[in-house]
Amino acid sequence: MRIILEIVIILTTESSMSKAKKLSQTLLERKLSACVSFRTIESHYLWNNQIDKSKEVQLLIKTTGKKMKKLLMVLKELHSYEIPEIICLNAFSSKDYGNWLLKSLEG
């Protein structure tokens, strides 16, 4: 299998599915992401020196290095959290998936 490198996966969370879908819709319409996957999770974390937990929706946002800076600006602008989780991972993909992703983000 041939691989290409120009894939970035960005992880973030939102407080509800409706907020996650709205954020996803904007990223797709602006061609900043070719695909966004959702998963319902329970997060445990430190906030104001207290252990807290909440139900959240995790978004896995697939994009390219070229689109990442603009995508991060939009995430920070539209995200509902005071301090959103934004984690960027370089990833490898199959040639076919990578070509589809690149073609989807053209224009």
PDB file of N, CA and C in Angstrom:
ATOM      1  N   MET A   1       0.846  -1.175   0.000  1.00  0.00           N
ATOM      2  CA  MET A   1       0.000   0.000   0.000  1.00  0.00           C
ATOM      3  C   MET A   1       0.888   1.234   0.000  1.00  0.00           C
ATOM      4  N   ARG A   2       0.646   2.147  -0.914  1.00  0.00           N
ATOM      5  CA  ARG A   2       1.371   3.411  -0.952  1.00  0.00           C
ATOM      6  C   ARG A   2       0.704   4.379   0.014  1.00  0.00           C
ATOM      7  N   ILE A   3       1.496   5.194   0.683  1.00  0.00           N
ATOM      8  CA  ILE A   3       0.947   6.149   1.634  1.00  0.00           C
ATOM      9  C   ILE A   3       1.368   7.557   1.252  1.00  0.00           C
ATOM     10  N   ILE A   4       0.578   8.525   1.686  1.00  0.00           N
ATOM     11  CA  ILE A   4       0.952   9.921   1.518  1.00  0.00           C
ATOM     12  C   ILE A   4       0.896  10.588   2.878  1.00  0.00           C
ATOM     13  N   LEU A   5       1.625  11.658   3.069  1.00  0.00           N
ATOM     14  CA  LEU A   5       1.763  12.286   4.378  1.00  0.00           C
ATOM     15  C   LEU A   5       0.837  13.470   4.589  1.00  0.00           C
ATOM     16  N   GLU A   6       0.323  14.068   3.588  1.00  0.00           N
ATOM     17  CA  GLU A   6      -0.352  15.356   3.669  1.00  0.00           C
ATOM     18  C   GLU A   6      -1.723  15.283   4.345  1.00  0.00           C
ATOM     19  N   ILE A   7      -1.843  14.486   5.390  1.00  0.00           N
ATOM     20  CA  ILE A   7      -3.099  14.332   6.114  1.00  0.00           C
ATOM     21  C   ILE A   7      -2.898  14.801   7.554  1.00  0.00           C
ATOM     22  N   VAL A   8      -3.852  15.553   8.062  1.00  0.00           N
ATOM     23  CA  VAL A   8      -3.833  15.993   9.452  1.00  0.00           C
ATOM     24  C   VAL A   8      -5.177  15.633  10.064  1.00  0.00           C
ATOM     25  N   ILE A   9      -5.147  15.082  11.274  1.00  0.00           N
ATOM     26  CA  ILE A   9      -6.376  14.808  12.017  1.00  0.00           C
ATOM     27  C   ILE A   9      -6.394  15.751  13.208  1.00  0.00           C
ATOM     28  N   ILE A  10      -7.475  16.491  13.332  1.00  0.00           N
ATOM     29  CA  ILE A  10      -7.628  17.420  14.446  1.00  0.00           C
ATOM     30  C   ILE A  10      -8.720  16.882  15.357  1.00  0.00           C
ATOM     31  N   LEU A  11      -8.397  16.758  16.634  1.00  0.00           N
ATOM     32  CA  LEU A  11      -9.360  16.306  17.632  1.00  0.00           C
ATOM     33  C   LEU A  11      -9.856  17.511  18.417  1.00  0.00           C
ATOM     34  N   THR A  12     -11.164  17.569  18.610  1.00  0.00           N
ATOM     35  CA  THR A  12     -11.751  18.564  19.489  1.00  0.00           C
ATOM     36  C   THR A  12     -13.012  17.958  20.078  1.00  0.00           C
ATOM     37  N   THR A  13     -13.580  18.618  21.058  1.00  0.00           N
ATOM     38  CA  THR A  13     -14.824  18.154  21.657  1.00  0.00           C
ATOM     39  C   THR A  13     -15.806  19.309  21.711  1.00  0.00           C
ATOM     40  N   GLU A  14     -17.078  18.975  21.706  1.00  0.00           N
ATOM     41  CA  GLU A  14     -18.154  19.951  21.902  1.00  0.00           C
ATOM     42  C   GLU A  14     -19.102  19.398  22.949  1.00  0.00           C
ATOM     43  N   SER A  15     -19.914  20.270  23.495  1.00  0.00           N
ATOM     44  CA  SER A  15     -20.799  19.876  24.598  1.00  0.00           C
ATOM     45  C   SER A  15     -22.054  19.139  24.144  1.00  0.00           C
ATOM     46  N   SER A  16     -22.382  19.229  22.854  1.00  0.00           N
ATOM     47  CA  SER A  16     -23.589  18.555  22.370  1.00  0.00           C
ATOM     48  C   SER A  16     -23.423  18.171  20.905  1.00  0.00           C
ATOM     49  N   MET A  17     -24.253  17.227  20.468  1.00  0.00           N
ATOM     50  CA  MET A  17     -24.214  16.800  19.070  1.00  0.00           C
ATOM     51  C   MET A  17     -24.633  17.943  18.149  1.00  0.00           C
ATOM     52  N   SER A  18     -25.601  18.747  18.557  1.00  0.00           N
ATOM     53  CA  SER A  18     -26.045  19.846  17.691  1.00  0.00           C
ATOM     54  C   SER A  18     -24.921  20.860  17.471  1.00  0.00           C
ATOM     55  N   LYS A  19     -24.138  21.163  18.503  1.00  0.00           N
ATOM     56  CA  LYS A  19     -23.003  22.085  18.342  1.00  0.00           C
ATOM     57  C   LYS A  19     -21.914  21.452  17.490  1.00  0.00           C
ATOM     58  N   ALA A  20     -21.684  20.164  17.675  1.00  0.00           N
ATOM     59  CA  ALA A  20     -20.678  19.458  16.875  1.00  0.00           C
ATOM     60  C   ALA A  20     -21.068  19.451  15.398  1.00  0.00           C
ATOM     61  N   LYS A  21     -22.340  19.194  15.118  1.00  0.00           N
ATOM     62  CA  LYS A  21     -22.809  19.164  13.730  1.00  0.00           C
ATOM     63  C   LYS A  21     -22.738  20.543  13.084  1.00  0.00           C
ATOM     64  N   LYS A  22     -23.057  21.584  13.842  1.00  0.00           N
ATOM     65  CA  LYS A  22     -22.983  22.954  13.316  1.00  0.00           C
ATOM     66  C   LYS A  22     -21.534  23.311  12.972  1.00  0.00           C
ATOM     67  N   LEU A  23     -20.616  22.977  13.854  1.00  0.00           N
ATOM     68  CA  LEU A  23     -19.200  23.230  13.604  1.00  0.00           C
ATOM     69  C   LEU A  23     -18.724  22.450  12.385  1.00  0.00           C
ATOM     70  N   SER A  24     -19.113  21.189  12.295  1.00  0.00           N
ATOM     71  CA  SER A  24     -18.748  20.341  11.163  1.00  0.00           C
ATOM     72  C   SER A  24     -19.265  20.916   9.848  1.00  0.00           C
ATOM     73  N   GLN A  25     -20.515  21.331   9.850  1.00  0.00           N
ATOM     74  CA  GLN A  25     -21.134  21.896   8.644  1.00  0.00           C
ATOM     75  C   GLN A  25     -20.335  23.095   8.128  1.00  0.00           C
ATOM     76  N   THR A  26     -19.929  23.970   9.035  1.00  0.00           N
ATOM     77  CA  THR A  26     -19.151  25.149   8.646  1.00  0.00           C
ATOM     78  C   THR A  26     -17.804  24.741   8.051  1.00  0.00           C
ATOM     79  N   LEU A  27     -17.117  23.798   8.677  1.00  0.00           N
ATOM     80  CA  LEU A  27     -15.813  23.363   8.180  1.00  0.00           C
ATOM     81  C   LEU A  27     -15.925  22.716   6.804  1.00  0.00           C
ATOM     82  N   LEU A  28     -16.976  21.935   6.590  1.00  0.00           N
ATOM     83  CA  LEU A  28     -17.185  21.290   5.287  1.00  0.00           C
ATOM     84  C   LEU A  28     -17.575  22.316   4.223  1.00  0.00           C
ATOM     85  N   GLU A  29     -18.481  23.224   4.559  1.00  0.00           N
ATOM     86  CA  GLU A  29     -18.909  24.241   3.581  1.00  0.00           C
ATOM     87  C   GLU A  29     -17.746  25.124   3.139  1.00  0.00           C
ATOM     88  N   ARG A  30     -16.840  25.422   4.054  1.00  0.00           N
ATOM     89  CA  ARG A  30     -15.690  26.277   3.738  1.00  0.00           C
ATOM     90  C   ARG A  30     -14.523  25.487   3.143  1.00  0.00           C
ATOM     91  N   LYS A  31     -14.734  24.192   2.941  1.00  0.00           N
ATOM     92  CA  LYS A  31     -13.719  23.294   2.382  1.00  0.00           C
ATOM     93  C   LYS A  31     -12.422  23.325   3.183  1.00  0.00           C
ATOM     94  N   LEU A  32     -12.574  23.379   4.505  1.00  0.00           N
ATOM     95  CA  LEU A  32     -11.434  23.302   5.404  1.00  0.00           C
ATOM     96  C   LEU A  32     -11.225  21.871   5.876  1.00  0.00           C
ATOM     97  N   SER A  33     -12.259  21.054   5.774  1.00  0.00           N
ATOM     98  CA  SER A  33     -12.192  19.636   6.109  1.00  0.00           C
ATOM     99  C   SER A  33     -12.955  18.854   5.051  1.00  0.00           C
ATOM    100  N   ALA A  34     -12.474  17.646   4.774  1.00  0.00           N
ATOM    101  CA  ALA A  34     -13.164  16.779   3.818  1.00  0.00           C
ATOM    102  C   ALA A  34     -14.105  15.819   4.526  1.00  0.00           C
ATOM    103  N   CYS A  35     -13.884  15.597   5.823  1.00  0.00           N
ATOM    104  CA  CYS A  35     -14.677  14.629   6.566  1.00  0.00           C
ATOM    105  C   CYS A  35     -14.555  14.933   8.059  1.00  0.00           C
ATOM    106  N   VAL A  36     -15.681  14.834   8.766  1.00  0.00           N
ATOM    107  CA  VAL A  36     -15.685  14.971  10.227  1.00  0.00           C
ATOM    108  C   VAL A  36     -16.461  13.789  10.794  1.00  0.00           C
ATOM    109  N   SER A  37     -15.839  13.076  11.715  1.00  0.00           N
ATOM    110  CA  SER A  37     -16.488  11.946  12.382  1.00  0.00           C
ATOM    111  C   SER A  37     -16.836  12.359  13.807  1.00  0.00           C
ATOM    112  N   PHE A  38     -17.911  11.771  14.342  1.00  0.00           N
ATOM    113  CA  PHE A  38     -18.373  12.088  15.695  1.00  0.00           C
ATOM    114  C   PHE A  38     -18.400  10.831  16.548  1.00  0.00           C
ATOM    115  N   ARG A  39     -18.161  11.048  17.843  1.00  0.00           N
ATOM    116  CA  ARG A  39     -18.269   9.952  18.804  1.00  0.00           C
ATOM    117  C   ARG A  39     -18.665  10.566  20.145  1.00  0.00           C
ATOM    118  N   THR A  40     -19.666   9.977  20.795  1.00  0.00           N
ATOM    119  CA  THR A  40     -20.075  10.421  22.115  1.00  0.00           C
ATOM    120  C   THR A  40     -19.126   9.830  23.146  1.00  0.00           C
ATOM    121  N   ILE A  41     -18.631  10.685  24.035  1.00  0.00           N
ATOM    122  CA  ILE A  41     -17.656  10.250  25.032  1.00  0.00           C
ATOM    123  C   ILE A  41     -18.004  10.826  26.402  1.00  0.00           C
ATOM    124  N   GLU A  42     -17.369  10.300  27.430  1.00  0.00           N
ATOM    125  CA  GLU A  42     -17.409  10.909  28.751  1.00  0.00           C
ATOM    126  C   GLU A  42     -15.985  11.325  29.084  1.00  0.00           C
ATOM    127  N   SER A  43     -15.798  12.594  29.377  1.00  0.00           N
ATOM    128  CA  SER A  43     -14.470  13.124  29.696  1.00  0.00           C
ATOM    129  C   SER A  43     -14.361  13.384  31.188  1.00  0.00           C
ATOM    130  N   HIS A  44     -13.201  13.077  31.741  1.00  0.00           N
ATOM    131  CA  HIS A  44     -12.862  13.394  33.129  1.00  0.00           C
ATOM    132  C   HIS A  44     -11.648  14.309  33.058  1.00  0.00           C
ATOM    133  N   TYR A  45     -11.675  15.428  33.771  1.00  0.00           N
ATOM    134  CA  TYR A  45     -10.634  16.426  33.610  1.00  0.00           C
ATOM    135  C   TYR A  45     -10.538  17.318  34.837  1.00  0.00           C
ATOM    136  N   LEU A  46      -9.422  18.041  34.919  1.00  0.00           N
ATOM    137  CA  LEU A  46      -9.231  19.031  35.973  1.00  0.00           C
ATOM    138  C   LEU A  46      -9.696  20.385  35.471  1.00  0.00           C
ATOM    139  N   TRP A  47     -10.542  21.045  36.250  1.00  0.00           N
ATOM    140  CA  TRP A  47     -11.028  22.377  35.902  1.00  0.00           C
ATOM    141  C   TRP A  47     -11.166  23.166  37.198  1.00  0.00           C
ATOM    142  N   ASN A  48     -10.472  24.296  37.288  1.00  0.00           N
ATOM    143  CA  ASN A  48     -10.474  25.130  38.496  1.00  0.00           C
ATOM    144  C   ASN A  48     -10.090  24.314  39.732  1.00  0.00           C
ATOM    145  N   ASN A  49      -9.038  23.515  39.584  1.00  0.00           N
ATOM    146  CA  ASN A  49      -8.503  22.682  40.670  1.00  0.00           C
ATOM    147  C   ASN A  49      -9.483  21.646  41.200  1.00  0.00           C
ATOM    148  N   GLN A  50     -10.464  21.281  40.408  1.00  0.00           N
ATOM    149  CA  GLN A  50     -11.439  20.261  40.775  1.00  0.00           C
ATOM    150  C   GLN A  50     -11.462  19.188  39.684  1.00  0.00           C
ATOM    151  N   ILE A  51     -11.703  17.952  40.090  1.00  0.00           N
ATOM    152  CA  ILE A  51     -11.923  16.897  39.101  1.00  0.00           C
ATOM    153  C   ILE A  51     -13.377  16.994  38.662  1.00  0.00           C
ATOM    154  N   ASP A  52     -13.574  17.082  37.369  1.00  0.00           N
ATOM    155  CA  ASP A  52     -14.915  17.223  36.814  1.00  0.00           C
ATOM    156  C   ASP A  52     -15.115  16.166  35.735  1.00  0.00           C
ATOM    157  N   LYS A  53     -16.334  15.972  35.320  1.00  0.00           N
ATOM    158  CA  LYS A  53     -16.622  15.058  34.212  1.00  0.00           C
ATOM    159  C   LYS A  53     -17.843  15.571  33.470  1.00  0.00           C
ATOM    160  N   SER A  54     -17.902  15.208  32.211  1.00  0.00           N
ATOM    161  CA  SER A  54     -19.060  15.608  31.406  1.00  0.00           C
ATOM    162  C   SER A  54     -19.181  14.711  30.185  1.00  0.00           C
ATOM    163  N   LYS A  55     -20.399  14.613  29.679  1.00  0.00           N
ATOM    164  CA  LYS A  55     -20.657  13.941  28.406  1.00  0.00           C
ATOM    165  C   LYS A  55     -20.315  14.961  27.318  1.00  0.00           C
ATOM    166  N   GLU A  56     -19.594  14.498  26.303  1.00  0.00           N
ATOM    167  CA  GLU A  56     -19.194  15.371  25.209  1.00  0.00           C
ATOM    168  C   GLU A  56     -19.291  14.621  23.887  1.00  0.00           C
ATOM    169  N   VAL A  57     -19.126  15.357  22.816  1.00  0.00           N
ATOM    170  CA  VAL A  57     -19.027  14.776  21.487  1.00  0.00           C
ATOM    171  C   VAL A  57     -17.627  15.082  20.975  1.00  0.00           C
ATOM    172  N   GLN A  58     -16.892  14.030  20.646  1.00  0.00           N
ATOM    173  CA  GLN A  58     -15.554  14.202  20.098  1.00  0.00           C
ATOM    174  C   GLN A  58     -15.643  14.272  18.580  1.00  0.00           C
ATOM    175  N   LEU A  59     -14.961  15.245  18.005  1.00  0.00           N
ATOM    176  CA  LEU A  59     -14.900  15.402  16.554  1.00  0.00           C
ATOM    177  C   LEU A  59     -13.513  15.002  16.078  1.00  0.00           C
ATOM    178  N   LEU A  60     -13.443  14.171  15.048  1.00  0.00           N
ATOM    179  CA  LEU A  60     -12.201  13.841  14.367  1.00  0.00           C
ATOM    180  C   LEU A  60     -12.287  14.514  12.997  1.00  0.00           C
ATOM    181  N   ILE A  61     -11.513  15.551  12.831  1.00  0.00           N
ATOM    182  CA  ILE A  61     -11.585  16.396  11.644  1.00  0.00           C
ATOM    183  C   ILE A  61     -10.408  16.059  10.741  1.00  0.00           C
ATOM    184  N   LYS A  62     -10.700  15.667   9.492  1.00  0.00           N
ATOM    185  CA  LYS A  62      -9.633  15.284   8.556  1.00  0.00           C
ATOM    186  C   LYS A  62      -9.391  16.425   7.580  1.00  0.00           C
ATOM    187  N   THR A  63      -8.111  16.835   7.461  1.00  0.00           N
ATOM    188  CA  THR A  63      -7.749  17.951   6.602  1.00  0.00           C
ATOM    189  C   THR A  63      -6.315  17.768   6.105  1.00  0.00           C
ATOM    190  N   THR A  64      -5.743  18.840   5.579  1.00  0.00           N
ATOM    191  CA  THR A  64      -4.356  18.831   5.110  1.00  0.00           C
ATOM    192  C   THR A  64      -3.565  19.878   5.874  1.00  0.00           C
ATOM    193  N   GLY A  65      -2.249  19.769   5.790  1.00  0.00           N
ATOM    194  CA  GLY A  65      -1.389  20.770   6.416  1.00  0.00           C
ATOM    195  C   GLY A  65      -1.639  22.161   5.879  1.00  0.00           C
ATOM    196  N   LYS A  66      -1.949  22.263   4.590  1.00  0.00           N
ATOM    197  CA  LYS A  66      -2.200  23.566   3.965  1.00  0.00           C
ATOM    198  C   LYS A  66      -3.462  24.237   4.509  1.00  0.00           C
ATOM    199  N   LYS A  67      -4.448  23.456   4.884  1.00  0.00           N
ATOM    200  CA  LYS A  67      -5.724  23.995   5.368  1.00  0.00           C
ATOM    201  C   LYS A  67      -5.754  24.163   6.891  1.00  0.00           C
ATOM    202  N   MET A  68      -4.769  23.599   7.579  1.00  0.00           N
ATOM    203  CA  MET A  68      -4.823  23.521   9.040  1.00  0.00           C
ATOM    204  C   MET A  68      -4.862  24.895   9.717  1.00  0.00           C
ATOM    205  N   LYS A  69      -4.043  25.842   9.318  1.00  0.00           N
ATOM    206  CA  LYS A  69      -3.991  27.144   9.986  1.00  0.00           C
ATOM    207  C   LYS A  69      -5.348  27.846   9.927  1.00  0.00           C
ATOM    208  N   LYS A  70      -5.951  27.887   8.748  1.00  0.00           N
ATOM    209  CA  LYS A  70      -7.261  28.526   8.591  1.00  0.00           C
ATOM    210  C   LYS A  70      -8.323  27.764   9.388  1.00  0.00           C
ATOM    211  N   LEU A  71      -8.275  26.440   9.351  1.00  0.00           N
ATOM    212  CA  LEU A  71      -9.227  25.619  10.096  1.00  0.00           C
ATOM    213  C   LEU A  71      -9.133  25.907  11.595  1.00  0.00           C
ATOM    214  N   LEU A  72      -7.916  26.017  12.123  1.00  0.00           N
ATOM    215  CA  LEU A  72      -7.734  26.304  13.548  1.00  0.00           C
ATOM    216  C   LEU A  72      -8.281  27.671  13.923  1.00  0.00           C
ATOM    217  N   MET A  73      -8.131  28.648  13.036  1.00  0.00           N
ATOM    218  CA  MET A  73      -8.686  29.981  13.285  1.00  0.00           C
ATOM    219  C   MET A  73     -10.209  29.920  13.376  1.00  0.00           C
ATOM    220  N   VAL A  74     -10.824  29.174  12.477  1.00  0.00           N
ATOM    221  CA  VAL A  74     -12.284  29.030  12.491  1.00  0.00           C
ATOM    222  C   VAL A  74     -12.727  28.271  13.737  1.00  0.00           C
ATOM    223  N   LEU A  75     -12.014  27.221  14.116  1.00  0.00           N
ATOM    224  CA  LEU A  75     -12.347  26.471  15.330  1.00  0.00           C
ATOM    225  C   LEU A  75     -12.342  27.388  16.554  1.00  0.00           C
ATOM    226  N   LYS A  76     -11.292  28.174  16.702  1.00  0.00           N
ATOM    227  CA  LYS A  76     -11.186  29.070  17.862  1.00  0.00           C
ATOM    228  C   LYS A  76     -12.296  30.112  17.849  1.00  0.00           C
ATOM    229  N   GLU A  77     -12.647  30.581  16.673  1.00  0.00           N
ATOM    230  CA  GLU A  77     -13.689  31.603  16.540  1.00  0.00           C
ATOM    231  C   GLU A  77     -15.078  31.061  16.880  1.00  0.00           C
ATOM    232  N   LEU A  78     -15.398  29.853  16.429  1.00  0.00           N
ATOM    233  CA  LEU A  78     -16.763  29.329  16.541  1.00  0.00           C
ATOM    234  C   LEU A  78     -16.985  28.363  17.701  1.00  0.00           C
ATOM    235  N   HIS A  79     -15.936  27.895  18.332  1.00  0.00           N
ATOM    236  CA  HIS A  79     -16.069  26.876  19.373  1.00  0.00           C
ATOM    237  C   HIS A  79     -16.817  27.439  20.580  1.00  0.00           C
ATOM    238  N   SER A  80     -17.634  26.606  21.201  1.00  0.00           N
ATOM    239  CA  SER A  80     -18.455  27.056  22.326  1.00  0.00           C
ATOM    240  C   SER A  80     -17.708  27.044  23.661  1.00  0.00           C
ATOM    241  N   TYR A  81     -16.554  26.378  23.738  1.00  0.00           N
ATOM    242  CA  TYR A  81     -15.818  26.283  25.001  1.00  0.00           C
ATOM    243  C   TYR A  81     -14.890  27.472  25.205  1.00  0.00           C
ATOM    244  N   GLU A  82     -14.698  27.820  26.471  1.00  0.00           N
ATOM    245  CA  GLU A  82     -13.747  28.873  26.832  1.00  0.00           C
ATOM    246  C   GLU A  82     -12.328  28.476  26.411  1.00  0.00           C
ATOM    247  N   ILE A  83     -11.955  27.240  26.690  1.00  0.00           N
ATOM    248  CA  ILE A  83     -10.655  26.700  26.284  1.00  0.00           C
ATOM    249  C   ILE A  83     -10.916  25.370  25.583  1.00  0.00           C
ATOM    250  N   PRO A  84     -11.107  25.406  24.269  1.00  0.00           N
ATOM    251  CA  PRO A  84     -11.409  24.154  23.560  1.00  0.00           C
ATOM    252  C   PRO A  84     -10.190  23.242  23.445  1.00  0.00           C
ATOM    253  N   GLU A  85     -10.452  21.953  23.503  1.00  0.00           N
ATOM    254  CA  GLU A  85      -9.414  20.974  23.195  1.00  0.00           C
ATOM    255  C   GLU A  85      -9.175  21.038  21.693  1.00  0.00           C
ATOM    256  N   ILE A  86      -7.940  21.297  21.311  1.00  0.00           N
ATOM    257  CA  ILE A  86      -7.570  21.270  19.898  1.00  0.00           C
ATOM    258  C   ILE A  86      -6.227  20.551  19.821  1.00  0.00           C
ATOM    259  N   ILE A  87      -6.245  19.325  19.311  1.00  0.00           N
ATOM    260  CA  ILE A  87      -5.042  18.505  19.195  1.00  0.00           C
ATOM    261  C   ILE A  87      -4.876  18.130  17.723  1.00  0.00           C
ATOM    262  N   CYS A  88      -3.707  18.418  17.176  1.00  0.00           N
ATOM    263  CA  CYS A  88      -3.426  18.155  15.758  1.00  0.00           C
ATOM    264  C   CYS A  88      -2.437  16.997  15.646  1.00  0.00           C
ATOM    265  N   LEU A  89      -2.798  16.027  14.826  1.00  0.00           N
ATOM    266  CA  LEU A  89      -1.965  14.841  14.626  1.00  0.00           C
ATOM    267  C   LEU A  89      -1.623  14.683  13.152  1.00  0.00           C
ATOM    268  N   ASN A  90      -0.341  14.527  12.846  1.00  0.00           N
ATOM    269  CA  ASN A  90       0.040  14.162  11.487  1.00  0.00           C
ATOM    270  C   ASN A  90      -0.284  12.697  11.305  1.00  0.00           C
ATOM    271  N   ALA A  91      -0.820  12.363  10.160  1.00  0.00           N
ATOM    272  CA  ALA A  91      -1.230  10.980   9.926  1.00  0.00           C
ATOM    273  C   ALA A  91      -0.861  10.553   8.512  1.00  0.00           C
ATOM    274  N   PHE A  92      -0.862   9.252   8.302  1.00  0.00           N
ATOM    275  CA  PHE A  92      -0.647   8.658   6.987  1.00  0.00           C
ATOM    276  C   PHE A  92      -1.974   8.079   6.517  1.00  0.00           C
ATOM    277  N   SER A  93      -2.191   8.091   5.237  1.00  0.00           N
ATOM    278  CA  SER A  93      -3.419   7.504   4.698  1.00  0.00           C
ATOM    279  C   SER A  93      -3.088   6.679   3.469  1.00  0.00           C
ATOM    280  N   SER A  94      -4.061   5.882   3.063  1.00  0.00           N
ATOM    281  CA  SER A  94      -3.911   5.181   1.790  1.00  0.00           C
ATOM    282  C   SER A  94      -3.883   6.215   0.674  1.00  0.00           C
ATOM    283  N   LYS A  95      -3.299   5.847  -0.434  1.00  0.00           N
ATOM    284  CA  LYS A  95      -3.208   6.756  -1.572  1.00  0.00           C
ATOM    285  C   LYS A  95      -4.598   7.170  -2.046  1.00  0.00           C
ATOM    286  N   ASP A  96      -5.509   6.217  -2.156  1.00  0.00           N
ATOM    287  CA  ASP A  96      -6.861   6.535  -2.629  1.00  0.00           C
ATOM    288  C   ASP A  96      -7.584   7.500  -1.704  1.00  0.00           C
ATOM    289  N   TYR A  97      -7.521   7.250  -0.386  1.00  0.00           N
ATOM    290  CA  TYR A  97      -8.190   8.143   0.566  1.00  0.00           C
ATOM    291  C   TYR A  97      -7.535   9.520   0.547  1.00  0.00           C
ATOM    292  N   GLY A  98      -6.214   9.557   0.530  1.00  0.00           N
ATOM    293  CA  GLY A  98      -5.502  10.828   0.488  1.00  0.00           C
ATOM    294  C   GLY A  98      -5.836  11.640  -0.747  1.00  0.00           C
ATOM    295  N   ASN A  99      -5.910  10.981  -1.898  1.00  0.00           N
ATOM    296  CA  ASN A  99      -6.279  11.683  -3.132  1.00  0.00           C
ATOM    297  C   ASN A  99      -7.700  12.217  -3.059  1.00  0.00           C
ATOM    298  N   TRP A 100      -8.629  11.417  -2.495  1.00  0.00           N
ATOM    299  CA  TRP A 100     -10.009  11.883  -2.323  1.00  0.00           C
ATOM    300  C   TRP A 100     -10.039  13.122  -1.413  1.00  0.00           C
ATOM    301  N   LEU A 101      -9.307  13.060  -0.303  1.00  0.00           N
ATOM    302  CA  LEU A 101      -9.282  14.182   0.628  1.00  0.00           C
ATOM    303  C   LEU A 101      -8.755  15.438  -0.043  1.00  0.00           C
ATOM    304  N   LEU A 102      -7.622  15.315  -0.748  1.00  0.00           N
ATOM    305  CA  LEU A 102      -7.036  16.469  -1.425  1.00  0.00           C
ATOM    306  C   LEU A 102      -8.000  17.049  -2.463  1.00  0.00           C
ATOM    307  N   LYS A 103      -8.636  16.180  -3.231  1.00  0.00           N
ATOM    308  CA  LYS A 103      -9.561  16.636  -4.270  1.00  0.00           C
ATOM    309  C   LYS A 103     -10.787  17.313  -3.638  1.00  0.00           C
ATOM    310  N   SER A 104     -11.248  16.805  -2.513  1.00  0.00           N
ATOM    311  CA  SER A 104     -12.423  17.371  -1.844  1.00  0.00           C
ATOM    312  C   SER A 104     -12.173  18.783  -1.346  1.00  0.00           C
ATOM    313  N   LEU A 105     -10.935  19.106  -1.034  1.00  0.00           N
ATOM    314  CA  LEU A 105     -10.605  20.414  -0.470  1.00  0.00           C
ATOM    315  C   LEU A 105     -10.170  21.441  -1.513  1.00  0.00           C
ATOM    316  N   GLU A 106     -10.219  21.063  -2.779  1.00  0.00           N
ATOM    317  CA  GLU A 106      -9.847  22.007  -3.840  1.00  0.00           C
ATOM    318  C   GLU A 106     -10.917  23.073  -3.988  1.00  0.00           C
ATOM    319  N   GLY A 107     -10.468  24.251  -4.392  1.00  0.00           N
ATOM    320  CA  GLY A 107     -11.435  25.306  -4.710  1.00  0.00           C
ATOM    321  C   GLY A 107     -11.633  26.333  -3.687  1.00  0.00           C
TER     322      GLY A 107
END
